[in-house]
N, C-alpha and C. Protein backbone atom coordinates (compact mmCIF):
# COMPACT_ATOMS: atom_id res chain seq x y z
N MET A 1 -0.29 -15.40 -1.91
CA MET A 1 -1.43 -15.19 -2.79
C MET A 1 -1.30 -13.90 -3.61
N ARG A 2 -0.91 -12.82 -2.98
CA ARG A 2 -0.92 -11.52 -3.65
C ARG A 2 0.00 -11.48 -4.88
N PRO A 3 1.26 -11.85 -4.75
CA PRO A 3 2.11 -11.86 -5.96
C PRO A 3 1.61 -12.86 -7.01
N TRP A 4 1.11 -14.00 -6.57
CA TRP A 4 0.59 -15.01 -7.48
C TRP A 4 -0.51 -14.42 -8.36
N ILE A 5 -1.41 -13.66 -7.74
CA ILE A 5 -2.50 -13.03 -8.48
C ILE A 5 -1.98 -12.04 -9.52
N LEU A 6 -1.01 -11.23 -9.12
CA LEU A 6 -0.45 -10.25 -10.06
C LEU A 6 0.20 -10.96 -11.24
N LEU A 7 1.00 -11.97 -10.95
CA LEU A 7 1.67 -12.71 -12.01
C LEU A 7 0.66 -13.34 -12.97
N ARG A 8 -0.37 -13.96 -12.42
CA ARG A 8 -1.36 -14.64 -13.26
C ARG A 8 -2.22 -13.63 -14.03
N HIS A 9 -2.60 -12.55 -13.37
CA HIS A 9 -3.45 -11.55 -14.04
C HIS A 9 -2.76 -10.98 -15.27
N PHE A 10 -1.47 -10.69 -15.14
CA PHE A 10 -0.73 -10.10 -16.26
C PHE A 10 -0.02 -11.15 -17.13
N LYS A 11 -0.35 -12.42 -16.89
CA LYS A 11 0.13 -13.52 -17.72
C LYS A 11 1.66 -13.57 -17.82
N LEU A 12 2.30 -13.38 -16.67
CA LEU A 12 3.75 -13.53 -16.59
C LEU A 12 4.08 -14.98 -16.25
N ASP A 13 5.01 -15.57 -16.96
CA ASP A 13 5.39 -16.95 -16.69
C ASP A 13 6.14 -17.05 -15.37
N PHE A 14 5.80 -18.04 -14.58
CA PHE A 14 6.50 -18.28 -13.32
C PHE A 14 6.31 -19.72 -12.90
N GLU A 15 7.19 -20.18 -12.06
CA GLU A 15 7.09 -21.52 -11.48
C GLU A 15 6.76 -21.38 -10.01
N GLU A 16 5.70 -22.04 -9.61
CA GLU A 16 5.27 -21.99 -8.21
C GLU A 16 5.85 -23.19 -7.45
N VAL A 17 6.43 -22.93 -6.30
CA VAL A 17 6.87 -23.99 -5.40
C VAL A 17 5.98 -23.93 -4.18
N ARG A 18 5.16 -24.93 -4.02
CA ARG A 18 4.20 -24.96 -2.92
C ARG A 18 4.78 -25.74 -1.75
N ILE A 19 4.85 -25.09 -0.59
CA ILE A 19 5.37 -25.73 0.62
C ILE A 19 4.30 -25.66 1.70
N PRO A 20 3.70 -26.79 2.06
CA PRO A 20 2.72 -26.77 3.15
C PRO A 20 3.36 -26.26 4.44
N LEU A 21 2.67 -25.36 5.12
CA LEU A 21 3.21 -24.75 6.32
C LEU A 21 2.72 -25.46 7.59
N PHE A 22 3.48 -25.26 8.65
CA PHE A 22 3.10 -25.74 9.99
C PHE A 22 2.93 -27.25 10.05
N VAL A 23 3.75 -27.94 9.29
CA VAL A 23 3.84 -29.40 9.37
C VAL A 23 5.27 -29.74 9.75
N ASP A 24 5.54 -31.00 10.03
CA ASP A 24 6.88 -31.39 10.47
C ASP A 24 7.93 -30.96 9.45
N ALA A 25 8.96 -30.30 9.95
CA ALA A 25 10.14 -29.93 9.17
C ALA A 25 9.84 -28.98 8.01
N TYR A 26 8.72 -28.27 8.06
CA TYR A 26 8.41 -27.37 6.95
C TYR A 26 9.45 -26.25 6.81
N GLN A 27 10.05 -25.84 7.92
CA GLN A 27 11.04 -24.76 7.84
C GLN A 27 12.31 -25.22 7.11
N ASP A 28 12.59 -26.51 7.13
CA ASP A 28 13.73 -27.01 6.37
C ASP A 28 13.52 -26.80 4.88
N ARG A 29 12.30 -27.03 4.41
CA ARG A 29 11.99 -26.76 3.01
C ARG A 29 12.05 -25.28 2.70
N LEU A 30 11.49 -24.45 3.60
CA LEU A 30 11.50 -23.01 3.39
C LEU A 30 12.91 -22.46 3.31
N ARG A 31 13.80 -23.04 4.10
CA ARG A 31 15.18 -22.55 4.16
C ARG A 31 15.86 -22.63 2.79
N GLU A 32 15.39 -23.52 1.93
CA GLU A 32 15.97 -23.65 0.59
C GLU A 32 15.68 -22.42 -0.27
N TYR A 33 14.64 -21.68 0.09
CA TYR A 33 14.19 -20.57 -0.75
C TYR A 33 14.13 -19.23 -0.04
N SER A 34 13.75 -19.23 1.23
CA SER A 34 13.39 -17.99 1.90
C SER A 34 14.35 -17.64 3.03
N PRO A 35 14.98 -16.47 2.99
CA PRO A 35 15.90 -16.09 4.06
C PRO A 35 15.18 -15.78 5.37
N THR A 36 13.88 -15.52 5.31
CA THR A 36 13.12 -15.20 6.52
C THR A 36 12.33 -16.40 7.05
N LEU A 37 12.38 -17.51 6.31
CA LEU A 37 11.57 -18.70 6.62
C LEU A 37 10.07 -18.38 6.59
N LYS A 38 9.72 -17.42 5.76
CA LYS A 38 8.32 -17.05 5.58
C LYS A 38 8.00 -17.03 4.09
N VAL A 39 6.72 -16.98 3.78
CA VAL A 39 6.27 -16.85 2.40
C VAL A 39 5.44 -15.59 2.29
N PRO A 40 5.37 -15.02 1.08
CA PRO A 40 5.98 -15.49 -0.16
C PRO A 40 7.42 -15.02 -0.29
N VAL A 41 8.12 -15.63 -1.23
CA VAL A 41 9.45 -15.19 -1.62
C VAL A 41 9.56 -15.38 -3.13
N LEU A 42 10.21 -14.43 -3.79
CA LEU A 42 10.38 -14.49 -5.23
C LEU A 42 11.86 -14.66 -5.54
N LEU A 43 12.18 -15.68 -6.33
CA LEU A 43 13.53 -15.88 -6.82
C LEU A 43 13.53 -15.56 -8.31
N ASP A 44 14.25 -14.52 -8.68
CA ASP A 44 14.33 -14.08 -10.07
C ASP A 44 15.79 -14.13 -10.49
N ASN A 45 16.18 -15.26 -11.09
CA ASN A 45 17.60 -15.53 -11.36
C ASN A 45 18.37 -15.45 -10.05
N ASP A 46 19.31 -14.51 -9.92
CA ASP A 46 20.11 -14.43 -8.70
C ASP A 46 19.52 -13.47 -7.67
N VAL A 47 18.37 -12.91 -7.95
CA VAL A 47 17.76 -11.94 -7.05
C VAL A 47 16.72 -12.62 -6.18
N CYS A 48 16.76 -12.35 -4.89
CA CYS A 48 15.78 -12.88 -3.94
C CYS A 48 15.01 -11.71 -3.34
N ILE A 49 13.70 -11.70 -3.52
CA ILE A 49 12.84 -10.66 -2.97
C ILE A 49 11.83 -11.33 -2.05
N TRP A 50 11.77 -10.85 -0.82
CA TRP A 50 10.79 -11.41 0.12
C TRP A 50 9.84 -10.30 0.56
N ASP A 51 8.72 -10.69 1.12
CA ASP A 51 7.65 -9.79 1.55
C ASP A 51 6.74 -9.48 0.36
N SER A 52 5.44 -9.68 0.56
CA SER A 52 4.49 -9.59 -0.55
C SER A 52 4.50 -8.23 -1.23
N LEU A 53 4.52 -7.14 -0.46
CA LEU A 53 4.48 -5.82 -1.07
C LEU A 53 5.75 -5.53 -1.85
N ALA A 54 6.89 -5.92 -1.31
CA ALA A 54 8.16 -5.72 -2.03
C ALA A 54 8.15 -6.50 -3.35
N ILE A 55 7.62 -7.71 -3.33
CA ILE A 55 7.55 -8.52 -4.54
C ILE A 55 6.65 -7.85 -5.57
N LEU A 56 5.48 -7.36 -5.13
CA LEU A 56 4.57 -6.70 -6.06
C LEU A 56 5.21 -5.49 -6.71
N GLU A 57 5.88 -4.67 -5.91
CA GLU A 57 6.52 -3.47 -6.46
C GLU A 57 7.63 -3.86 -7.44
N TYR A 58 8.40 -4.87 -7.11
CA TYR A 58 9.49 -5.33 -7.98
C TYR A 58 8.93 -5.81 -9.31
N LEU A 59 7.89 -6.62 -9.26
CA LEU A 59 7.30 -7.14 -10.49
C LEU A 59 6.73 -6.03 -11.36
N SER A 60 6.07 -5.07 -10.73
CA SER A 60 5.49 -3.96 -11.48
C SER A 60 6.58 -3.15 -12.17
N GLU A 61 7.66 -2.91 -11.45
CA GLU A 61 8.74 -2.09 -12.00
C GLU A 61 9.52 -2.82 -13.09
N LYS A 62 9.85 -4.08 -12.84
CA LYS A 62 10.74 -4.79 -13.77
C LYS A 62 10.02 -5.40 -14.96
N TYR A 63 8.82 -5.95 -14.73
CA TYR A 63 8.18 -6.72 -15.79
C TYR A 63 6.90 -6.09 -16.36
N LEU A 64 6.37 -5.08 -15.70
CA LEU A 64 5.10 -4.52 -16.16
C LEU A 64 5.20 -3.06 -16.55
N ASP A 65 6.41 -2.52 -16.64
CA ASP A 65 6.58 -1.11 -16.99
C ASP A 65 5.74 -0.21 -16.09
N GLY A 66 5.62 -0.61 -14.82
CA GLY A 66 4.88 0.20 -13.86
C GLY A 66 3.38 0.06 -13.91
N ARG A 67 2.87 -0.87 -14.70
CA ARG A 67 1.41 -0.99 -14.87
C ARG A 67 0.69 -1.50 -13.63
N GLY A 68 1.44 -1.86 -12.60
CA GLY A 68 0.80 -2.24 -11.35
C GLY A 68 0.24 -1.05 -10.59
N PHE A 69 0.59 0.15 -11.04
CA PHE A 69 0.12 1.38 -10.42
C PHE A 69 -0.63 2.22 -11.44
N PRO A 70 -1.45 3.18 -10.95
CA PRO A 70 -2.08 4.14 -11.87
C PRO A 70 -1.03 4.97 -12.60
N GLU A 71 -1.43 5.61 -13.69
CA GLU A 71 -0.49 6.37 -14.51
C GLU A 71 -0.04 7.67 -13.86
N SER A 72 -0.98 8.40 -13.26
CA SER A 72 -0.61 9.71 -12.74
C SER A 72 0.17 9.58 -11.43
N GLN A 73 1.08 10.50 -11.21
CA GLN A 73 1.92 10.46 -10.02
C GLN A 73 1.08 10.57 -8.75
N GLU A 74 0.07 11.43 -8.78
CA GLU A 74 -0.77 11.62 -7.60
C GLU A 74 -1.53 10.34 -7.26
N ARG A 75 -2.11 9.71 -8.27
CA ARG A 75 -2.87 8.48 -8.00
C ARG A 75 -1.95 7.32 -7.63
N ARG A 76 -0.73 7.32 -8.14
CA ARG A 76 0.24 6.31 -7.70
C ARG A 76 0.53 6.46 -6.22
N GLY A 77 0.66 7.73 -5.78
CA GLY A 77 0.90 7.97 -4.37
C GLY A 77 -0.24 7.49 -3.50
N VAL A 78 -1.46 7.73 -3.93
CA VAL A 78 -2.64 7.28 -3.17
C VAL A 78 -2.70 5.75 -3.18
N CYS A 79 -2.44 5.17 -4.33
CA CYS A 79 -2.45 3.70 -4.43
C CYS A 79 -1.42 3.09 -3.47
N ARG A 80 -0.24 3.68 -3.40
CA ARG A 80 0.78 3.19 -2.48
C ARG A 80 0.31 3.32 -1.03
N SER A 81 -0.41 4.39 -0.72
CA SER A 81 -0.95 4.56 0.62
C SER A 81 -1.94 3.44 0.95
N TYR A 82 -2.79 3.09 0.00
CA TYR A 82 -3.74 1.99 0.19
C TYR A 82 -2.98 0.69 0.46
N CYS A 83 -1.98 0.42 -0.37
CA CYS A 83 -1.21 -0.82 -0.22
C CYS A 83 -0.52 -0.87 1.14
N SER A 84 0.08 0.25 1.54
CA SER A 84 0.83 0.27 2.79
C SER A 84 -0.08 0.14 3.99
N GLU A 85 -1.24 0.79 3.96
CA GLU A 85 -2.16 0.66 5.09
C GLU A 85 -2.65 -0.77 5.24
N MET A 86 -2.94 -1.41 4.12
CA MET A 86 -3.35 -2.82 4.18
C MET A 86 -2.21 -3.69 4.69
N HIS A 87 -1.01 -3.40 4.24
CA HIS A 87 0.14 -4.23 4.57
C HIS A 87 0.48 -4.17 6.05
N SER A 88 0.33 -3.00 6.66
CA SER A 88 0.77 -2.83 8.04
C SER A 88 -0.37 -2.79 9.06
N GLY A 89 -1.61 -2.75 8.59
CA GLY A 89 -2.72 -2.54 9.51
C GLY A 89 -3.73 -3.66 9.55
N PHE A 90 -4.87 -3.33 10.13
CA PHE A 90 -6.03 -4.23 10.21
C PHE A 90 -5.71 -5.53 10.96
N VAL A 91 -5.02 -5.36 12.08
CA VAL A 91 -4.61 -6.52 12.88
C VAL A 91 -5.82 -7.23 13.46
N ALA A 92 -6.84 -6.48 13.85
CA ALA A 92 -8.02 -7.10 14.46
C ALA A 92 -8.73 -8.02 13.47
N ILE A 93 -8.83 -7.57 12.21
CA ILE A 93 -9.45 -8.41 11.18
C ILE A 93 -8.62 -9.66 10.95
N ARG A 94 -7.32 -9.49 10.84
CA ARG A 94 -6.44 -10.64 10.60
C ARG A 94 -6.57 -11.67 11.71
N THR A 95 -6.72 -11.18 12.95
CA THR A 95 -6.77 -12.07 14.10
C THR A 95 -8.13 -12.74 14.25
N ALA A 96 -9.20 -11.95 14.16
CA ALA A 96 -10.54 -12.45 14.44
C ALA A 96 -11.18 -13.14 13.26
N LEU A 97 -10.76 -12.77 12.03
CA LEU A 97 -11.34 -13.35 10.82
C LEU A 97 -10.23 -13.96 9.98
N PRO A 98 -9.72 -15.10 10.40
CA PRO A 98 -8.58 -15.70 9.68
C PRO A 98 -8.98 -16.11 8.26
N MET A 99 -8.00 -16.09 7.39
CA MET A 99 -8.21 -16.45 5.99
C MET A 99 -8.66 -17.90 5.88
N ASN A 100 -9.82 -18.12 5.30
CA ASN A 100 -10.36 -19.47 5.14
C ASN A 100 -11.32 -19.45 3.96
N CYS A 101 -10.74 -19.41 2.76
CA CYS A 101 -11.56 -19.20 1.56
C CYS A 101 -12.39 -20.41 1.16
N ARG A 102 -12.15 -21.55 1.81
CA ARG A 102 -12.96 -22.73 1.49
C ARG A 102 -14.19 -22.84 2.38
N ALA A 103 -14.36 -21.87 3.28
CA ALA A 103 -15.45 -21.96 4.26
C ALA A 103 -16.47 -20.86 4.07
N SER A 104 -17.64 -21.04 4.66
CA SER A 104 -18.65 -20.00 4.79
C SER A 104 -19.11 -20.06 6.23
N ARG A 105 -18.81 -19.00 6.98
CA ARG A 105 -18.99 -19.06 8.43
C ARG A 105 -19.73 -17.83 8.95
N SER A 106 -20.24 -17.98 10.16
CA SER A 106 -20.83 -16.86 10.89
C SER A 106 -20.15 -16.78 12.25
N THR A 107 -19.75 -15.57 12.63
CA THR A 107 -19.10 -15.41 13.92
C THR A 107 -19.36 -14.01 14.45
N GLU A 108 -19.37 -13.88 15.76
CA GLU A 108 -19.54 -12.56 16.37
C GLU A 108 -18.25 -11.77 16.19
N ILE A 109 -18.39 -10.49 15.87
CA ILE A 109 -17.20 -9.68 15.71
C ILE A 109 -17.22 -8.54 16.73
N SER A 110 -16.04 -8.16 17.16
CA SER A 110 -15.89 -7.13 18.18
C SER A 110 -16.07 -5.75 17.58
N GLU A 111 -16.17 -4.76 18.46
CA GLU A 111 -16.28 -3.38 17.99
C GLU A 111 -15.02 -2.97 17.23
N GLU A 112 -13.86 -3.46 17.67
CA GLU A 112 -12.61 -3.14 16.99
C GLU A 112 -12.61 -3.68 15.57
N VAL A 113 -13.09 -4.91 15.40
CA VAL A 113 -13.18 -5.49 14.05
C VAL A 113 -14.16 -4.70 13.20
N LYS A 114 -15.29 -4.33 13.78
CA LYS A 114 -16.28 -3.53 13.03
C LYS A 114 -15.68 -2.23 12.53
N LEU A 115 -14.91 -1.57 13.40
CA LEU A 115 -14.30 -0.30 13.01
C LEU A 115 -13.30 -0.50 11.87
N GLU A 116 -12.53 -1.58 11.91
CA GLU A 116 -11.60 -1.85 10.82
C GLU A 116 -12.33 -2.17 9.53
N CYS A 117 -13.42 -2.92 9.63
CA CYS A 117 -14.23 -3.22 8.43
C CYS A 117 -14.80 -1.93 7.84
N GLN A 118 -15.25 -1.04 8.71
CA GLN A 118 -15.78 0.23 8.24
C GLN A 118 -14.70 1.07 7.58
N ARG A 119 -13.49 1.02 8.13
CA ARG A 119 -12.38 1.77 7.52
C ARG A 119 -12.10 1.25 6.11
N ILE A 120 -12.07 -0.07 5.94
CA ILE A 120 -11.84 -0.64 4.62
C ILE A 120 -12.97 -0.28 3.67
N ASP A 121 -14.20 -0.36 4.17
CA ASP A 121 -15.35 0.01 3.35
C ASP A 121 -15.23 1.45 2.88
N SER A 122 -14.81 2.36 3.78
CA SER A 122 -14.67 3.76 3.39
C SER A 122 -13.53 3.96 2.39
N LEU A 123 -12.43 3.23 2.56
CA LEU A 123 -11.33 3.30 1.60
C LEU A 123 -11.80 2.86 0.22
N TRP A 124 -12.46 1.72 0.17
CA TRP A 124 -12.94 1.21 -1.11
C TRP A 124 -13.93 2.17 -1.76
N SER A 125 -14.88 2.67 -0.96
CA SER A 125 -15.90 3.57 -1.49
C SER A 125 -15.28 4.83 -2.08
N GLN A 126 -14.27 5.37 -1.39
CA GLN A 126 -13.60 6.57 -1.89
C GLN A 126 -12.86 6.30 -3.19
N ALA A 127 -12.12 5.19 -3.23
CA ALA A 127 -11.36 4.86 -4.44
C ALA A 127 -12.29 4.61 -5.61
N ILE A 128 -13.38 3.91 -5.37
CA ILE A 128 -14.34 3.61 -6.43
C ILE A 128 -14.96 4.90 -6.97
N ALA A 129 -15.30 5.82 -6.05
CA ALA A 129 -15.87 7.10 -6.48
C ALA A 129 -14.86 7.90 -7.31
N ASP A 130 -13.62 7.90 -6.87
CA ASP A 130 -12.58 8.66 -7.58
C ASP A 130 -12.24 8.04 -8.93
N SER A 131 -12.51 6.74 -9.10
CA SER A 131 -12.16 6.04 -10.34
C SER A 131 -13.37 5.82 -11.25
N ALA A 132 -14.48 6.44 -10.92
CA ALA A 132 -15.70 6.24 -11.71
C ALA A 132 -15.44 6.55 -13.18
N GLY A 133 -15.84 5.61 -14.02
CA GLY A 133 -15.67 5.77 -15.45
C GLY A 133 -14.34 5.29 -15.99
N PHE A 134 -13.42 4.89 -15.10
CA PHE A 134 -12.09 4.45 -15.55
C PHE A 134 -11.89 2.94 -15.42
N GLY A 135 -12.84 2.22 -14.83
CA GLY A 135 -12.71 0.78 -14.65
C GLY A 135 -13.37 0.36 -13.36
N ASP A 136 -13.43 -0.94 -13.13
CA ASP A 136 -14.18 -1.47 -12.00
C ASP A 136 -13.34 -1.77 -10.77
N TYR A 137 -12.03 -1.54 -10.85
CA TYR A 137 -11.17 -1.83 -9.70
C TYR A 137 -10.91 -0.55 -8.91
N LEU A 138 -10.17 -0.65 -7.83
CA LEU A 138 -10.01 0.48 -6.93
C LEU A 138 -9.44 1.72 -7.62
N PHE A 139 -8.51 1.51 -8.53
CA PHE A 139 -7.91 2.63 -9.23
C PHE A 139 -8.17 2.55 -10.73
N GLY A 140 -9.34 2.04 -11.07
CA GLY A 140 -9.73 1.89 -12.47
C GLY A 140 -9.28 0.55 -13.00
N ASP A 141 -8.06 0.48 -13.52
CA ASP A 141 -7.49 -0.79 -13.96
C ASP A 141 -6.99 -1.59 -12.75
N PHE A 142 -6.85 -2.88 -12.93
CA PHE A 142 -6.33 -3.76 -11.89
C PHE A 142 -4.95 -3.27 -11.45
N SER A 143 -4.73 -3.19 -10.14
CA SER A 143 -3.49 -2.63 -9.61
C SER A 143 -3.00 -3.43 -8.41
N LEU A 144 -1.86 -3.00 -7.89
CA LEU A 144 -1.31 -3.63 -6.69
C LEU A 144 -2.27 -3.51 -5.51
N ALA A 145 -3.04 -2.44 -5.46
CA ALA A 145 -4.00 -2.28 -4.37
C ALA A 145 -5.02 -3.42 -4.37
N ASP A 146 -5.46 -3.83 -5.54
CA ASP A 146 -6.42 -4.94 -5.62
C ASP A 146 -5.78 -6.23 -5.14
N CYS A 147 -4.52 -6.44 -5.47
CA CYS A 147 -3.81 -7.62 -4.96
C CYS A 147 -3.73 -7.59 -3.44
N MET A 148 -3.41 -6.43 -2.90
CA MET A 148 -3.25 -6.31 -1.46
C MET A 148 -4.56 -6.55 -0.71
N PHE A 149 -5.68 -6.11 -1.27
CA PHE A 149 -6.95 -6.23 -0.58
C PHE A 149 -7.70 -7.54 -0.90
N ALA A 150 -7.19 -8.35 -1.82
CA ALA A 150 -7.89 -9.58 -2.18
C ALA A 150 -8.12 -10.51 -0.99
N PRO A 151 -7.13 -10.73 -0.10
CA PRO A 151 -7.40 -11.60 1.04
C PRO A 151 -8.50 -11.07 1.97
N VAL A 152 -8.61 -9.75 2.08
CA VAL A 152 -9.67 -9.16 2.91
C VAL A 152 -11.03 -9.37 2.25
N ALA A 153 -11.07 -9.20 0.93
CA ALA A 153 -12.33 -9.44 0.22
C ALA A 153 -12.80 -10.87 0.44
N MET A 154 -11.85 -11.80 0.44
CA MET A 154 -12.21 -13.21 0.69
C MET A 154 -12.71 -13.40 2.11
N ARG A 155 -12.07 -12.74 3.06
CA ARG A 155 -12.54 -12.82 4.45
C ARG A 155 -13.96 -12.27 4.57
N PHE A 156 -14.23 -11.14 3.93
CA PHE A 156 -15.56 -10.56 4.00
C PHE A 156 -16.61 -11.51 3.44
N LYS A 157 -16.26 -12.21 2.38
CA LYS A 157 -17.21 -13.18 1.82
C LYS A 157 -17.37 -14.38 2.76
N THR A 158 -16.26 -14.90 3.28
CA THR A 158 -16.33 -16.07 4.17
C THR A 158 -17.22 -15.80 5.38
N TYR A 159 -17.07 -14.63 5.98
CA TYR A 159 -17.77 -14.35 7.24
C TYR A 159 -19.01 -13.48 7.06
N GLY A 160 -19.38 -13.22 5.82
CA GLY A 160 -20.63 -12.50 5.56
C GLY A 160 -20.65 -11.08 6.11
N ILE A 161 -19.53 -10.38 5.99
CA ILE A 161 -19.45 -9.01 6.50
C ILE A 161 -20.30 -8.09 5.61
N GLN A 162 -21.14 -7.30 6.25
CA GLN A 162 -22.01 -6.38 5.53
C GLN A 162 -21.23 -5.15 5.09
N LEU A 163 -21.37 -4.79 3.83
CA LEU A 163 -20.66 -3.66 3.25
C LEU A 163 -21.63 -2.74 2.53
N SER A 164 -21.14 -1.55 2.23
CA SER A 164 -21.94 -0.65 1.40
C SER A 164 -22.13 -1.25 0.01
N LYS A 165 -23.08 -0.73 -0.71
CA LYS A 165 -23.41 -1.27 -2.03
C LYS A 165 -22.20 -1.26 -2.96
N ASN A 166 -21.49 -0.14 -3.02
CA ASN A 166 -20.35 -0.05 -3.92
C ASN A 166 -19.22 -0.99 -3.51
N SER A 167 -18.99 -1.12 -2.21
CA SER A 167 -17.93 -2.02 -1.75
C SER A 167 -18.30 -3.47 -2.01
N GLN A 168 -19.56 -3.81 -1.84
CA GLN A 168 -19.99 -5.18 -2.11
C GLN A 168 -19.83 -5.51 -3.59
N LYS A 169 -20.15 -4.54 -4.43
CA LYS A 169 -19.96 -4.74 -5.88
C LYS A 169 -18.49 -4.93 -6.20
N TYR A 170 -17.64 -4.18 -5.51
CA TYR A 170 -16.19 -4.33 -5.72
C TYR A 170 -15.72 -5.72 -5.32
N VAL A 171 -16.21 -6.23 -4.18
CA VAL A 171 -15.84 -7.59 -3.75
C VAL A 171 -16.21 -8.59 -4.84
N GLU A 172 -17.40 -8.46 -5.39
CA GLU A 172 -17.84 -9.38 -6.44
C GLU A 172 -16.96 -9.27 -7.68
N THR A 173 -16.62 -8.03 -8.06
CA THR A 173 -15.73 -7.83 -9.20
C THR A 173 -14.38 -8.48 -8.96
N LEU A 174 -13.82 -8.23 -7.78
CA LEU A 174 -12.49 -8.75 -7.47
C LEU A 174 -12.49 -10.28 -7.44
N LEU A 175 -13.48 -10.87 -6.79
CA LEU A 175 -13.50 -12.33 -6.66
C LEU A 175 -13.87 -13.03 -7.96
N ASN A 176 -14.33 -12.27 -8.94
CA ASN A 176 -14.59 -12.83 -10.27
C ASN A 176 -13.44 -12.59 -11.24
N ASN A 177 -12.38 -11.92 -10.77
CA ASN A 177 -11.18 -11.80 -11.58
C ASN A 177 -10.64 -13.19 -11.89
N LEU A 178 -10.30 -13.46 -13.13
CA LEU A 178 -9.94 -14.83 -13.53
C LEU A 178 -8.72 -15.36 -12.78
N ALA A 179 -7.78 -14.49 -12.46
CA ALA A 179 -6.61 -14.94 -11.70
C ALA A 179 -7.03 -15.41 -10.30
N ILE A 180 -7.93 -14.67 -9.68
CA ILE A 180 -8.39 -15.03 -8.34
C ILE A 180 -9.26 -16.27 -8.39
N VAL A 181 -10.08 -16.39 -9.43
CA VAL A 181 -10.87 -17.61 -9.61
C VAL A 181 -9.96 -18.83 -9.70
N ASP A 182 -8.87 -18.71 -10.46
CA ASP A 182 -7.92 -19.82 -10.58
C ASP A 182 -7.28 -20.14 -9.23
N TRP A 183 -6.93 -19.11 -8.48
CA TRP A 183 -6.31 -19.31 -7.16
C TRP A 183 -7.28 -20.04 -6.23
N LEU A 184 -8.54 -19.64 -6.26
CA LEU A 184 -9.54 -20.27 -5.40
C LEU A 184 -9.76 -21.73 -5.80
N GLU A 185 -9.74 -22.00 -7.10
CA GLU A 185 -9.91 -23.39 -7.54
C GLU A 185 -8.76 -24.26 -7.04
N ASP A 186 -7.54 -23.73 -7.11
CA ASP A 186 -6.39 -24.47 -6.56
C ASP A 186 -6.55 -24.69 -5.07
N ALA A 187 -7.03 -23.66 -4.37
CA ALA A 187 -7.20 -23.77 -2.92
C ALA A 187 -8.20 -24.85 -2.54
N LYS A 188 -9.24 -24.99 -3.34
CA LYS A 188 -10.26 -26.01 -3.05
C LYS A 188 -9.70 -27.42 -3.14
N ASN A 189 -8.62 -27.60 -3.90
CA ASN A 189 -8.02 -28.92 -4.07
C ASN A 189 -7.01 -29.25 -2.98
N GLU A 190 -6.71 -28.28 -2.11
CA GLU A 190 -5.79 -28.56 -1.01
C GLU A 190 -6.52 -29.33 0.09
N THR A 191 -5.78 -30.15 0.78
CA THR A 191 -6.40 -30.98 1.81
C THR A 191 -6.04 -30.56 3.23
N GLU A 192 -5.00 -29.72 3.38
CA GLU A 192 -4.58 -29.34 4.72
C GLU A 192 -5.60 -28.40 5.37
N THR A 193 -5.68 -28.46 6.68
CA THR A 193 -6.47 -27.51 7.45
C THR A 193 -5.63 -27.04 8.64
N LEU A 194 -5.94 -25.84 9.11
CA LEU A 194 -5.33 -25.29 10.31
C LEU A 194 -6.46 -25.07 11.31
N SER A 195 -6.43 -25.83 12.40
CA SER A 195 -7.57 -25.83 13.33
C SER A 195 -7.90 -24.43 13.86
N GLU A 196 -6.86 -23.60 14.06
CA GLU A 196 -7.13 -22.27 14.61
C GLU A 196 -7.82 -21.35 13.61
N TYR A 197 -7.85 -21.75 12.35
CA TYR A 197 -8.52 -20.96 11.33
C TYR A 197 -9.97 -21.42 11.11
N GLU A 198 -10.36 -22.48 11.77
CA GLU A 198 -11.70 -23.04 11.57
C GLU A 198 -12.65 -22.47 12.64
N ILE A 199 -12.80 -21.14 12.63
CA ILE A 199 -13.65 -20.51 13.64
C ILE A 199 -15.05 -20.29 13.09
N GLY A 200 -16.00 -20.04 13.99
CA GLY A 200 -17.35 -19.71 13.57
C GLY A 200 -18.18 -20.93 13.22
């Protein structure tokens, strides 16, 4: 999802190969494209880039003249910190609130999940405050950080997680981004379900 959003937001041409996961022989299809048998993977001529954050950085550097990050070196560093924390952390949220953008659910959340939600809320609130007057996204203009946090924003909407006023406004801004709207419309047309994701 994350690289797809970046590509669509910046109107870069690409061909999507959709492979349904966790069905019979799905890894045989993945093997044609992905050295890790995981998604996403980007094939750019003879170059193969796997892992969502690596793909985002590659696209920003090669095709966007670095526009995936803020202009100033200091804010680029902070943006990278946001991306990296999202990429490597928040395991409790990932486990207890699985991605299910076609659903609207209610479920009890643990103290650990609450603490992670509060951490994300504080990250968003700080970035929004620091970017006041420069745009409606975390670092003013749409950036890699917004791509990285999009799945969490969807989880917060699915499970009705309560957020501060500024963070809730950010979720609404992000989910109204035209690239994300297009992604959600495509998702609604999919028919597969994963039973372990149908919680609450």
